[in-house]
PDB file of N, CA and C in Angstrom:
ATOM      1  N   MET A   1      62.001 102.229 111.641  1.00  0.00           N
ATOM      2  CA  MET A   1      62.697 103.368 111.065  1.00  0.00           C
ATOM      3  C   MET A   1      63.647 102.887 109.980  1.00  0.00           C
ATOM      4  N   GLN A   2      63.548 103.492 108.817  1.00  0.00           N
ATOM      5  CA  GLN A   2      64.437 103.128 107.721  1.00  0.00           C
ATOM      6  C   GLN A   2      65.816 103.726 107.932  1.00  0.00           C
ATOM      7  N   GLY A   3      66.827 103.056 107.357  1.00  0.00           N
ATOM      8  CA  GLY A   3      68.184 103.588 107.431  1.00  0.00           C
ATOM      9  C   GLY A   3      68.305 104.874 106.636  1.00  0.00           C
ATOM     10  N   ILE A   4      69.137 105.741 107.109  1.00  0.00           N
ATOM     11  CA  ILE A   4      69.366 107.021 106.445  1.00  0.00           C
ATOM     12  C   ILE A   4      70.511 106.850 105.460  1.00  0.00           C
ATOM     13  N   ALA A   5      70.287 107.266 104.220  1.00  0.00           N
ATOM     14  CA  ALA A   5      71.351 107.206 103.222  1.00  0.00           C
ATOM     15  C   ALA A   5      72.376 108.293 103.502  1.00  0.00           C
ATOM     16  N   LEU A   6      73.608 107.886 103.584  1.00  0.00           N
ATOM     17  CA  LEU A   6      74.684 108.850 103.834  1.00  0.00           C
ATOM     18  C   LEU A   6      75.092 109.522 102.534  1.00  0.00           C
ATOM     19  N   PRO A   7      75.456 110.799 102.598  1.00  0.00           N
ATOM     20  CA  PRO A   7      75.984 111.444 101.389  1.00  0.00           C
ATOM     21  C   PRO A   7      77.355 110.848 101.080  1.00  0.00           C
ATOM     22  N   PRO A   8      77.773 110.919  99.830  1.00  0.00           N
ATOM     23  CA  PRO A   8      79.094 110.372  99.490  1.00  0.00           C
ATOM     24  C   PRO A   8      80.212 111.064 100.281  1.00  0.00           C
ATOM     25  N   THR A   9      81.174 110.272 100.678  1.00  0.00           N
ATOM     26  CA  THR A   9      82.374 110.768 101.330  1.00  0.00           C
ATOM     27  C   THR A   9      83.525 110.524 100.371  1.00  0.00           C
ATOM     28  N   VAL A  10      84.284 111.550 100.048  1.00  0.00           N
ATOM     29  CA  VAL A  10      85.419 111.394  99.145  1.00  0.00           C
ATOM     30  C   VAL A  10      86.697 111.288  99.974  1.00  0.00           C
ATOM     31  N   VAL A  11      87.420 110.210  99.746  1.00  0.00           N
ATOM     32  CA  VAL A  11      88.708 109.998 100.399  1.00  0.00           C
ATOM     33  C   VAL A  11      89.783 110.280  99.354  1.00  0.00           C
ATOM     34  N   VAL A  12      90.656 111.235  99.645  1.00  0.00           N
ATOM     35  CA  VAL A  12      91.726 111.621  98.728  1.00  0.00           C
ATOM     36  C   VAL A  12      92.999 110.864  99.098  1.00  0.00           C
ATOM     37  N   ILE A  13      93.598 110.219  98.095  1.00  0.00           N
ATOM     38  CA  ILE A  13      94.844 109.486  98.303  1.00  0.00           C
ATOM     39  C   ILE A  13      95.894 110.047  97.348  1.00  0.00           C
ATOM     40  N   PRO A  14      96.743 110.952  97.837  1.00  0.00           N
ATOM     41  CA  PRO A  14      97.848 111.434  96.998  1.00  0.00           C
ATOM     42  C   PRO A  14      98.900 110.327  96.884  1.00  0.00           C
ATOM     43  N   THR A  15      99.439 110.139  95.693  1.00  0.00           N
ATOM     44  CA  THR A  15     100.418 109.061  95.520  1.00  0.00           C
ATOM     45  C   THR A  15     101.648 109.525  94.759  1.00  0.00           C
ATOM     46  N   TYR A  16     102.758 108.916  95.113  1.00  0.00           N
ATOM     47  CA  TYR A  16     103.993 109.020  94.354  1.00  0.00           C
ATOM     48  C   TYR A  16     104.766 107.732  94.627  1.00  0.00           C
ATOM     49  N   ASN A  17     104.854 106.879  93.633  1.00  0.00           N
ATOM     50  CA  ASN A  17     105.522 105.582  93.754  1.00  0.00           C
ATOM     51  C   ASN A  17     104.952 104.735  94.895  1.00  0.00           C
ATOM     52  N   GLU A  18     103.654 104.499  94.836  1.00  0.00           N
ATOM     53  CA  GLU A  18     102.953 103.716  95.857  1.00  0.00           C
ATOM     54  C   GLU A  18     102.320 102.456  95.295  1.00  0.00           C
ATOM     55  N   ILE A  19     102.863 101.923  94.208  1.00  0.00           N
ATOM     56  CA  ILE A  19     102.240 100.761  93.579  1.00  0.00           C
ATOM     57  C   ILE A  19     102.125  99.576  94.540  1.00  0.00           C
ATOM     58  N   ALA A  20     103.093  99.396  95.406  1.00  0.00           N
ATOM     59  CA  ALA A  20     103.064  98.266  96.342  1.00  0.00           C
ATOM     60  C   ALA A  20     101.933  98.389  97.363  1.00  0.00           C
ATOM     61  N   ASN A  21     101.474  99.602  97.620  1.00  0.00           N
ATOM     62  CA  ASN A  21     100.444  99.817  98.640  1.00  0.00           C
ATOM     63  C   ASN A  21      99.048 100.024  98.063  1.00  0.00           C
ATOM     64  N   LEU A  22      98.956 100.586  96.878  1.00  0.00           N
ATOM     65  CA  LEU A  22      97.671 101.026  96.351  1.00  0.00           C
ATOM     66  C   LEU A  22      96.672  99.888  96.176  1.00  0.00           C
ATOM     67  N   SER A  23      97.097  98.763  95.630  1.00  0.00           N
ATOM     68  CA  SER A  23      96.165  97.669  95.365  1.00  0.00           C
ATOM     69  C   SER A  23      95.646  97.029  96.655  1.00  0.00           C
ATOM     70  N   ARG A  24      96.345  97.205  97.760  1.00  0.00           N
ATOM     71  CA  ARG A  24      95.849  96.710  99.058  1.00  0.00           C
ATOM     72  C   ARG A  24      94.982  97.756  99.745  1.00  0.00           C
ATOM     73  N   LEU A  25      95.366  99.029  99.602  1.00  0.00           N
ATOM     74  CA  LEU A  25      94.667 100.105 100.295  1.00  0.00           C
ATOM     75  C   LEU A  25      93.263 100.350  99.738  1.00  0.00           C
ATOM     76  N   VAL A  26      93.141 100.384  98.421  1.00  0.00           N
ATOM     77  CA  VAL A  26      91.866 100.737  97.785  1.00  0.00           C
ATOM     78  C   VAL A  26      90.719  99.837  98.240  1.00  0.00           C
ATOM     79  N   PRO A  27      90.830  98.502  98.154  1.00  0.00           N
ATOM     80  CA  PRO A  27      89.705  97.672  98.583  1.00  0.00           C
ATOM     81  C   PRO A  27      89.372  97.828 100.067  1.00  0.00           C
ATOM     82  N   GLU A  28      90.396  98.039 100.893  1.00  0.00           N
ATOM     83  CA  GLU A  28      90.148  98.199 102.321  1.00  0.00           C
ATOM     84  C   GLU A  28      89.375  99.484 102.617  1.00  0.00           C
ATOM     85  N   VAL A  29      89.733 100.573 101.951  1.00  0.00           N
ATOM     86  CA  VAL A  29      89.021 101.838 102.170  1.00  0.00           C
ATOM     87  C   VAL A  29      87.593 101.736 101.646  1.00  0.00           C
ATOM     88  N   LEU A  30      87.417 101.179 100.457  1.00  0.00           N
ATOM     89  CA  LEU A  30      86.077 101.061  99.880  1.00  0.00           C
ATOM     90  C   LEU A  30      85.176 100.142 100.704  1.00  0.00           C
ATOM     91  N   ALA A  31      85.760  99.182 101.410  1.00  0.00           N
ATOM     92  CA  ALA A  31      84.984  98.253 102.227  1.00  0.00           C
ATOM     93  C   ALA A  31      84.419  98.907 103.488  1.00  0.00           C
ATOM     94  N   ILE A  32      84.936 100.053 103.867  1.00  0.00           N
ATOM     95  CA  ILE A  32      84.472 100.727 105.080  1.00  0.00           C
ATOM     96  C   ILE A  32      83.007 101.117 104.972  1.00  0.00           C
ATOM     97  N   SER A  33      82.614 101.637 103.804  1.00  0.00           N
ATOM     98  CA  SER A  33      81.234 102.095 103.621  1.00  0.00           C
ATOM     99  C   SER A  33      80.927 102.197 102.131  1.00  0.00           C
ATOM    100  N   PRO A  34      79.699 101.849 101.738  1.00  0.00           N
ATOM    101  CA  PRO A  34      79.334 102.001 100.327  1.00  0.00           C
ATOM    102  C   PRO A  34      79.192 103.462  99.897  1.00  0.00           C
ATOM    103  N   SER A  35      79.215 104.384 100.852  1.00  0.00           N
ATOM    104  CA  SER A  35      79.101 105.805 100.502  1.00  0.00           C
ATOM    105  C   SER A  35      80.457 106.450 100.219  1.00  0.00           C
ATOM    106  N   ILE A  36      81.541 105.668 100.348  1.00  0.00           N
ATOM    107  CA  ILE A  36      82.890 106.211 100.109  1.00  0.00           C
ATOM    108  C   ILE A  36      83.233 106.155  98.629  1.00  0.00           C
ATOM    109  N   ARG A  37      83.796 107.260  98.142  1.00  0.00           N
ATOM    110  CA  ARG A  37      84.413 107.340  96.810  1.00  0.00           C
ATOM    111  C   ARG A  37      85.883 107.682  97.024  1.00  0.00           C
ATOM    112  N   LEU A  38      86.734 107.162  96.179  1.00  0.00           N
ATOM    113  CA  LEU A  38      88.168 107.441  96.275  1.00  0.00           C
ATOM    114  C   LEU A  38      88.604 108.337  95.133  1.00  0.00           C
ATOM    115  N   LEU A  39      89.524 109.231  95.447  1.00  0.00           N
ATOM    116  CA  LEU A  39      90.163 110.058  94.437  1.00  0.00           C
ATOM    117  C   LEU A  39      91.669 109.934  94.632  1.00  0.00           C
ATOM    118  N   VAL A  40      92.325 109.277  93.693  1.00  0.00           N
ATOM    119  CA  VAL A  40      93.775 109.145  93.718  1.00  0.00           C
ATOM    120  C   VAL A  40      94.357 110.303  92.924  1.00  0.00           C
ATOM    121  N   VAL A  41      95.318 111.001  93.510  1.00  0.00           N
ATOM    122  CA  VAL A  41      96.020 112.088  92.827  1.00  0.00           C
ATOM    123  C   VAL A  41      97.470 111.638  92.692  1.00  0.00           C
ATOM    124  N   ASP A  42      97.820 111.212  91.487  1.00  0.00           N
ATOM    125  CA  ASP A  42      99.154 110.650  91.264  1.00  0.00           C
ATOM    126  C   ASP A  42     100.086 111.677  90.637  1.00  0.00           C
ATOM    127  N   ASP A  43     101.257 111.839  91.234  1.00  0.00           N
ATOM    128  CA  ASP A  43     102.266 112.792  90.770  1.00  0.00           C
ATOM    129  C   ASP A  43     103.257 112.148  89.804  1.00  0.00           C
ATOM    130  N   ALA A  44     102.757 111.590  88.707  1.00  0.00           N
ATOM    131  CA  ALA A  44     103.600 110.985  87.656  1.00  0.00           C
ATOM    132  C   ALA A  44     104.575 109.967  88.230  1.00  0.00           C
ATOM    133  N   SER A  45     104.046 109.048  89.023  1.00  0.00           N
ATOM    134  CA  SER A  45     104.889 108.006  89.614  1.00  0.00           C
ATOM    135  C   SER A  45     105.623 107.230  88.538  1.00  0.00           C
ATOM    136  N   SER A  46     106.886 106.962  88.797  1.00  0.00           N
ATOM    137  CA  SER A  46     107.707 106.225  87.827  1.00  0.00           C
ATOM    138  C   SER A  46     107.582 104.715  87.990  1.00  0.00           C
ATOM    139  N   ASP A  47     106.903 104.253  89.032  1.00  0.00           N
ATOM    140  CA  ASP A  47     106.798 102.814  89.297  1.00  0.00           C
ATOM    141  C   ASP A  47     105.499 102.194  88.774  1.00  0.00           C
ATOM    142  N   GLY A  48     104.684 102.957  88.071  1.00  0.00           N
ATOM    143  CA  GLY A  48     103.441 102.412  87.528  1.00  0.00           C
ATOM    144  C   GLY A  48     102.221 102.616  88.400  1.00  0.00           C
ATOM    145  N   THR A  49     102.350 103.422  89.446  1.00  0.00           N
ATOM    146  CA  THR A  49     101.206 103.670  90.332  1.00  0.00           C
ATOM    147  C   THR A  49     100.019 104.230  89.565  1.00  0.00           C
ATOM    148  N   GLY A  50     100.261 105.152  88.656  1.00  0.00           N
ATOM    149  CA  GLY A  50      99.164 105.745  87.888  1.00  0.00           C
ATOM    150  C   GLY A  50      98.436 104.716  87.048  1.00  0.00           C
ATOM    151  N   MET A  51      99.176 103.789  86.435  1.00  0.00           N
ATOM    152  CA  MET A  51      98.554 102.721  85.641  1.00  0.00           C
ATOM    153  C   MET A  51      97.761 101.768  86.538  1.00  0.00           C
ATOM    154  N   GLU A  52      98.298 101.476  87.720  1.00  0.00           N
ATOM    155  CA  GLU A  52      97.577 100.623  88.667  1.00  0.00           C
ATOM    156  C   GLU A  52      96.295 101.315  89.132  1.00  0.00           C
ATOM    157  N   ALA A  53      96.364 102.613  89.351  1.00  0.00           N
ATOM    158  CA  ALA A  53      95.165 103.362  89.729  1.00  0.00           C
ATOM    159  C   ALA A  53      94.124 103.296  88.617  1.00  0.00           C
ATOM    160  N   ASP A  54      94.549 103.428  87.375  1.00  0.00           N
ATOM    161  CA  ASP A  54      93.626 103.310  86.241  1.00  0.00           C
ATOM    162  C   ASP A  54      92.979 101.931  86.199  1.00  0.00           C
ATOM    163  N   ARG A  55      93.764 100.900  86.477  1.00  0.00           N
ATOM    164  CA  ARG A  55      93.230  99.532  86.495  1.00  0.00           C
ATOM    165  C   ARG A  55      92.177  99.383  87.589  1.00  0.00           C
ATOM    166  N   LEU A  56      92.451  99.956  88.753  1.00  0.00           N
ATOM    167  CA  LEU A  56      91.509  99.880  89.869  1.00  0.00           C
ATOM    168  C   LEU A  56      90.237 100.666  89.577  1.00  0.00           C
ATOM    169  N   VAL A  57      90.368 101.801  88.882  1.00  0.00           N
ATOM    170  CA  VAL A  57      89.185 102.581  88.484  1.00  0.00           C
ATOM    171  C   VAL A  57      88.275 101.737  87.605  1.00  0.00           C
ATOM    172  N   ALA A  58      88.871 101.003  86.678  1.00  0.00           N
ATOM    173  CA  ALA A  58      88.090 100.189  85.747  1.00  0.00           C
ATOM    174  C   ALA A  58      87.307  99.097  86.464  1.00  0.00           C
ATOM    175  N   SER A  59      87.808  98.652  87.615  1.00  0.00           N
ATOM    176  CA  SER A  59      87.130  97.580  88.349  1.00  0.00           C
ATOM    177  C   SER A  59      86.209  98.104  89.448  1.00  0.00           C
ATOM    178  N   SER A  60      86.190  99.406  89.666  1.00  0.00           N
ATOM    179  CA  SER A  60      85.361  99.996  90.714  1.00  0.00           C
ATOM    180  C   SER A  60      84.586 101.172  90.155  1.00  0.00           C
ATOM    181  N   GLY A  61      83.338 101.257  90.487  1.00  0.00           N
ATOM    182  CA  GLY A  61      82.541 102.406  90.071  1.00  0.00           C
ATOM    183  C   GLY A  61      82.612 103.544  91.069  1.00  0.00           C
ATOM    184  N   ARG A  62      83.534 103.445  92.030  1.00  0.00           N
ATOM    185  CA  ARG A  62      83.581 104.428  93.111  1.00  0.00           C
ATOM    186  C   ARG A  62      84.956 105.052  93.260  1.00  0.00           C
ATOM    187  N   MET A  63      85.644 105.217  92.152  1.00  0.00           N
ATOM    188  CA  MET A  63      87.021 105.713  92.228  1.00  0.00           C
ATOM    189  C   MET A  63      87.346 106.517  90.983  1.00  0.00           C
ATOM    190  N   ASP A  64      88.156 107.563  91.165  1.00  0.00           N
ATOM    191  CA  ASP A  64      88.648 108.393  90.066  1.00  0.00           C
ATOM    192  C   ASP A  64      90.134 108.648  90.286  1.00  0.00           C
ATOM    193  N   VAL A  65      90.817 109.066  89.208  1.00  0.00           N
ATOM    194  CA  VAL A  65      92.253 109.360  89.276  1.00  0.00           C
ATOM    195  C   VAL A  65      92.528 110.684  88.590  1.00  0.00           C
ATOM    196  N   ILE A  66      93.371 111.479  89.208  1.00  0.00           N
ATOM    197  CA  ILE A  66      93.935 112.664  88.577  1.00  0.00           C
ATOM    198  C   ILE A  66      95.408 112.354  88.340  1.00  0.00           C
ATOM    199  N   HIS A  67      95.838 112.428  87.076  1.00  0.00           N
ATOM    200  CA  HIS A  67      97.243 112.213  86.733  1.00  0.00           C
ATOM    201  C   HIS A  67      97.901 113.579  86.585  1.00  0.00           C
ATOM    202  N   ARG A  68      98.894 113.829  87.425  1.00  0.00           N
ATOM    203  CA  ARG A  68      99.597 115.114  87.368  1.00  0.00           C
ATOM    204  C   ARG A  68     100.901 114.952  86.607  1.00  0.00           C
ATOM    205  N   PRO A  69     101.420 116.037  86.021  1.00  0.00           N
ATOM    206  CA  PRO A  69     102.567 115.945  85.118  1.00  0.00           C
ATOM    207  C   PRO A  69     103.919 115.706  85.788  1.00  0.00           C
ATOM    208  N   GLY A  70     103.990 115.797  87.094  1.00  0.00           N
ATOM    209  CA  GLY A  70     105.272 115.612  87.781  1.00  0.00           C
ATOM    210  C   GLY A  70     105.059 115.612  89.271  1.00  0.00           C
ATOM    211  N   LYS A  71     106.152 115.503  90.003  1.00  0.00           N
ATOM    212  CA  LYS A  71     106.089 115.493  91.466  1.00  0.00           C
ATOM    213  C   LYS A  71     105.877 116.932  91.946  1.00  0.00           C
ATOM    214  N   LEU A  72     104.613 117.240  92.226  1.00  0.00           N
ATOM    215  CA  LEU A  72     104.236 118.607  92.598  1.00  0.00           C
ATOM    216  C   LEU A  72     103.994 118.774  94.098  1.00  0.00           C
ATOM    217  N   GLY A  73     103.969 117.678  94.837  1.00  0.00           N
ATOM    218  CA  GLY A  73     103.890 117.765  96.286  1.00  0.00           C
ATOM    219  C   GLY A  73     102.534 117.438  96.878  1.00  0.00           C
ATOM    220  N   LEU A  74     102.581 117.091  98.147  1.00  0.00           N
ATOM    221  CA  LEU A  74     101.403 116.655  98.890  1.00  0.00           C
ATOM    222  C   LEU A  74     100.352 117.752  99.030  1.00  0.00           C
ATOM    223  N   GLY A  75     100.770 118.934  99.435  1.00  0.00           N
ATOM    224  CA  GLY A  75      99.830 120.029  99.648  1.00  0.00           C
ATOM    225  C   GLY A  75      99.071 120.404  98.383  1.00  0.00           C
ATOM    226  N   SER A  76      99.784 120.493  97.270  1.00  0.00           N
ATOM    227  CA  SER A  76      99.111 120.863  96.033  1.00  0.00           C
ATOM    228  C   SER A  76      98.236 119.723  95.513  1.00  0.00           C
ATOM    229  N   ALA A  77      98.569 118.471  95.870  1.00  0.00           N
ATOM    230  CA  ALA A  77      97.708 117.337  95.493  1.00  0.00           C
ATOM    231  C   ALA A  77      96.355 117.461  96.195  1.00  0.00           C
ATOM    232  N   TYR A  78      96.376 117.784  97.480  1.00  0.00           N
ATOM    233  CA  TYR A  78      95.116 117.972  98.217  1.00  0.00           C
ATOM    234  C   TYR A  78      94.349 119.178  97.665  1.00  0.00           C
ATOM    235  N   LYS A  79      95.049 120.249  97.381  1.00  0.00           N
ATOM    236  CA  LYS A  79      94.380 121.437  96.827  1.00  0.00           C
ATOM    237  C   LYS A  79      93.711 121.111  95.497  1.00  0.00           C
ATOM    238  N   GLN A  80      94.393 120.387  94.649  1.00  0.00           N
ATOM    239  CA  GLN A  80      93.800 120.033  93.367  1.00  0.00           C
ATOM    240  C   GLN A  80      92.591 119.117  93.564  1.00  0.00           C
ATOM    241  N   ALA A  81      92.674 118.208  94.503  1.00  0.00           N
ATOM    242  CA  ALA A  81      91.558 117.301  94.770  1.00  0.00           C
ATOM    243  C   ALA A  81      90.327 118.070  95.246  1.00  0.00           C
ATOM    244  N   PHE A  82      90.558 119.060  96.103  1.00  0.00           N
ATOM    245  CA  PHE A  82      89.422 119.840  96.625  1.00  0.00           C
ATOM    246  C   PHE A  82      88.870 120.734  95.532  1.00  0.00           C
TER     247      PHE A  82
END
């Protein structure tokens, strides 16, 4: 029996000033399964999180970033991602 290809799973990561965590979190989440895609929703972090997310996107074909204009909150980050 051949393996069944899983449909893509999108993992949403809302961020605000998470530069210290993002570069460790992304590879660990992507390592769980090749069917995982990441979507970072950054609320205009002042610590460079959005730039780090852009750097990670460039090195991974399984990640996207939404840059928001300000700190709009966790709930609206998930709503925008969906």
